[in-house]
């Protein structure tokens, strides 16, 4: 999940928000 990106991506909060808005994007990761 996003745990892999945690700490690595500076936009951690934005990533979670983007994923929340686009649940389909989870399939891409």
PDB file of N, CA and C in Angstrom:
ATOM      1  N   UNK A   1       0.831  -1.211   0.000  1.00  0.00           N
ATOM      2  CA  UNK A   1       0.000   0.000   0.000  1.00  0.00           C
ATOM      3  C   UNK A   1       0.861   1.256   0.000  1.00  0.00           C
ATOM      4  N   UNK A   2       0.316   2.362   0.500  1.00  0.00           N
ATOM      5  CA  UNK A   2       1.075   3.622   0.523  1.00  0.00           C
ATOM      6  C   UNK A   2       2.225   3.545   1.511  1.00  0.00           C
ATOM      7  N   UNK A   3       2.259   2.506   2.331  1.00  0.00           N
ATOM      8  CA  UNK A   3       3.329   2.401   3.325  1.00  0.00           C
ATOM      9  C   UNK A   3       4.688   2.463   2.649  1.00  0.00           C
ATOM     10  N   UNK A   4       4.807   1.907   1.459  1.00  0.00           N
ATOM     11  CA  UNK A   4       6.089   1.912   0.751  1.00  0.00           C
ATOM     12  C   UNK A   4       6.498   3.341   0.414  1.00  0.00           C
ATOM     13  N   UNK A   5       5.510   4.177   0.130  1.00  0.00           N
ATOM     14  CA  UNK A   5       5.807   5.572  -0.232  1.00  0.00           C
ATOM     15  C   UNK A   5       6.008   6.435   1.005  1.00  0.00           C
ATOM     16  N   UNK A   6       5.569   5.950   2.140  1.00  0.00           N
ATOM     17  CA  UNK A   6       5.670   6.744   3.366  1.00  0.00           C
ATOM     18  C   UNK A   6       7.109   7.113   3.646  1.00  0.00           C
ATOM     19  N   UNK A   7       7.363   8.402   3.858  1.00  0.00           N
ATOM     20  CA  UNK A   7       8.719   8.839   4.182  1.00  0.00           C
ATOM     21  C   UNK A   7       9.525   9.110   2.923  1.00  0.00           C
ATOM     22  N   UNK A   8       9.198   8.431   1.822  1.00  0.00           N
ATOM     23  CA  UNK A   8       9.954   8.647   0.580  1.00  0.00           C
ATOM     24  C   UNK A   8       9.371   9.815  -0.206  1.00  0.00           C
ATOM     25  N   UNK A   9       8.061   9.833  -0.321  1.00  0.00           N
ATOM     26  CA  UNK A   9       7.414  10.901  -1.084  1.00  0.00           C
ATOM     27  C   UNK A   9       7.146  12.114  -0.197  1.00  0.00           C
ATOM     28  N   UNK A  10       7.590  13.298  -0.638  1.00  0.00           N
ATOM     29  CA  UNK A  10       7.367  14.525   0.130  1.00  0.00           C
ATOM     30  C   UNK A  10       5.887  14.891   0.175  1.00  0.00           C
ATOM     31  N   UNK A  11       5.141  14.412  -0.796  1.00  0.00           N
ATOM     32  CA  UNK A  11       3.702  14.715  -0.838  1.00  0.00           C
ATOM     33  C   UNK A  11       2.914  13.543  -0.271  1.00  0.00           C
ATOM     34  N   UNK A  12       3.340  13.082   0.903  1.00  0.00           N
ATOM     35  CA  UNK A  12       2.684  11.924   1.502  1.00  0.00           C
ATOM     36  C   UNK A  12       1.197  12.179   1.682  1.00  0.00           C
ATOM     37  N   UNK A  13       0.880  13.322   2.284  1.00  0.00           N
ATOM     38  CA  UNK A  13      -0.535  13.631   2.525  1.00  0.00           C
ATOM     39  C   UNK A  13      -1.279  13.771   1.203  1.00  0.00           C
ATOM     40  N   UNK A  14      -0.665  14.443   0.244  1.00  0.00           N
ATOM     41  CA  UNK A  14      -1.333  14.639  -1.045  1.00  0.00           C
ATOM     42  C   UNK A  14      -1.545  13.299  -1.732  1.00  0.00           C
ATOM     43  N   UNK A  15      -0.578  12.388  -1.570  1.00  0.00           N
ATOM     44  CA  UNK A  15      -0.708  11.066  -2.183  1.00  0.00           C
ATOM     45  C   UNK A  15      -1.937  10.362  -1.635  1.00  0.00           C
ATOM     46  N   UNK A  16      -2.076  10.389  -0.322  1.00  0.00           N
ATOM     47  CA  UNK A  16      -3.229   9.722   0.286  1.00  0.00           C
ATOM     48  C   UNK A  16      -4.527  10.349  -0.202  1.00  0.00           C
ATOM     49  N   UNK A  17      -4.537  11.677  -0.307  1.00  0.00           N
ATOM     50  CA  UNK A  17      -5.747  12.368  -0.767  1.00  0.00           C
ATOM     51  C   UNK A  17      -6.044  11.988  -2.217  1.00  0.00           C
ATOM     52  N   UNK A  18      -5.002  11.950  -3.030  1.00  0.00           N
ATOM     53  CA  UNK A  18      -5.185  11.607  -4.446  1.00  0.00           C
ATOM     54  C   UNK A  18      -5.710  10.182  -4.569  1.00  0.00           C
ATOM     55  N   UNK A  19      -5.153   9.280  -3.764  1.00  0.00           N
ATOM     56  CA  UNK A  19      -5.604   7.893  -3.815  1.00  0.00           C
ATOM     57  C   UNK A  19      -7.044   7.795  -3.339  1.00  0.00           C
ATOM     58  N   UNK A  20      -7.392   8.608  -2.350  1.00  0.00           N
ATOM     59  CA  UNK A  20      -8.751   8.576  -1.822  1.00  0.00           C
ATOM     60  C   UNK A  20      -9.735   9.058  -2.895  1.00  0.00           C
ATOM     61  N   UNK A  21      -9.298  10.058  -3.669  1.00  0.00           N
ATOM     62  CA  UNK A  21     -10.180  10.580  -4.712  1.00  0.00           C
ATOM     63  C   UNK A  21     -10.207   9.639  -5.911  1.00  0.00           C
ATOM     64  N   UNK A  22      -9.058   8.982  -6.184  1.00  0.00           N
ATOM     65  CA  UNK A  22      -8.978   8.063  -7.328  1.00  0.00           C
ATOM     66  C   UNK A  22      -8.615   6.668  -6.841  1.00  0.00           C
ATOM     67  N   UNK A  23      -9.590   5.925  -6.331  1.00  0.00           N
ATOM     68  CA  UNK A  23      -9.324   4.569  -5.833  1.00  0.00           C
ATOM     69  C   UNK A  23      -8.829   3.659  -6.947  1.00  0.00           C
ATOM     70  N   UNK A  24      -9.165   3.973  -8.191  1.00  0.00           N
ATOM     71  CA  UNK A  24      -8.716   3.148  -9.312  1.00  0.00           C
ATOM     72  C   UNK A  24      -7.203   3.224  -9.458  1.00  0.00           C
ATOM     73  N   UNK A  25      -6.604   4.339  -9.017  1.00  0.00           N
ATOM     74  CA  UNK A  25      -5.158   4.506  -9.142  1.00  0.00           C
ATOM     75  C   UNK A  25      -4.427   3.444  -8.327  1.00  0.00           C
ATOM     76  N   UNK A  26      -5.087   2.916  -7.287  1.00  0.00           N
ATOM     77  CA  UNK A  26      -4.444   1.896  -6.452  1.00  0.00           C
ATOM     78  C   UNK A  26      -4.036   0.702  -7.314  1.00  0.00           C
ATOM     79  N   UNK A  27      -4.807   0.415  -8.345  1.00  0.00           N
ATOM     80  CA  UNK A  27      -4.486  -0.714  -9.217  1.00  0.00           C
ATOM     81  C   UNK A  27      -3.181  -0.465  -9.966  1.00  0.00           C
ATOM     82  N   UNK A  28      -2.890   0.799 -10.272  1.00  0.00           N
ATOM     83  CA  UNK A  28      -1.663   1.118 -10.998  1.00  0.00           C
ATOM     84  C   UNK A  28      -0.437   0.829 -10.154  1.00  0.00           C
ATOM     85  N   UNK A  29      -0.547   1.114  -8.857  1.00  0.00           N
ATOM     86  CA  UNK A  29       0.637   0.933  -8.009  1.00  0.00           C
ATOM     87  C   UNK A  29       0.842  -0.555  -7.791  1.00  0.00           C
TER      88      UNK A  29
END
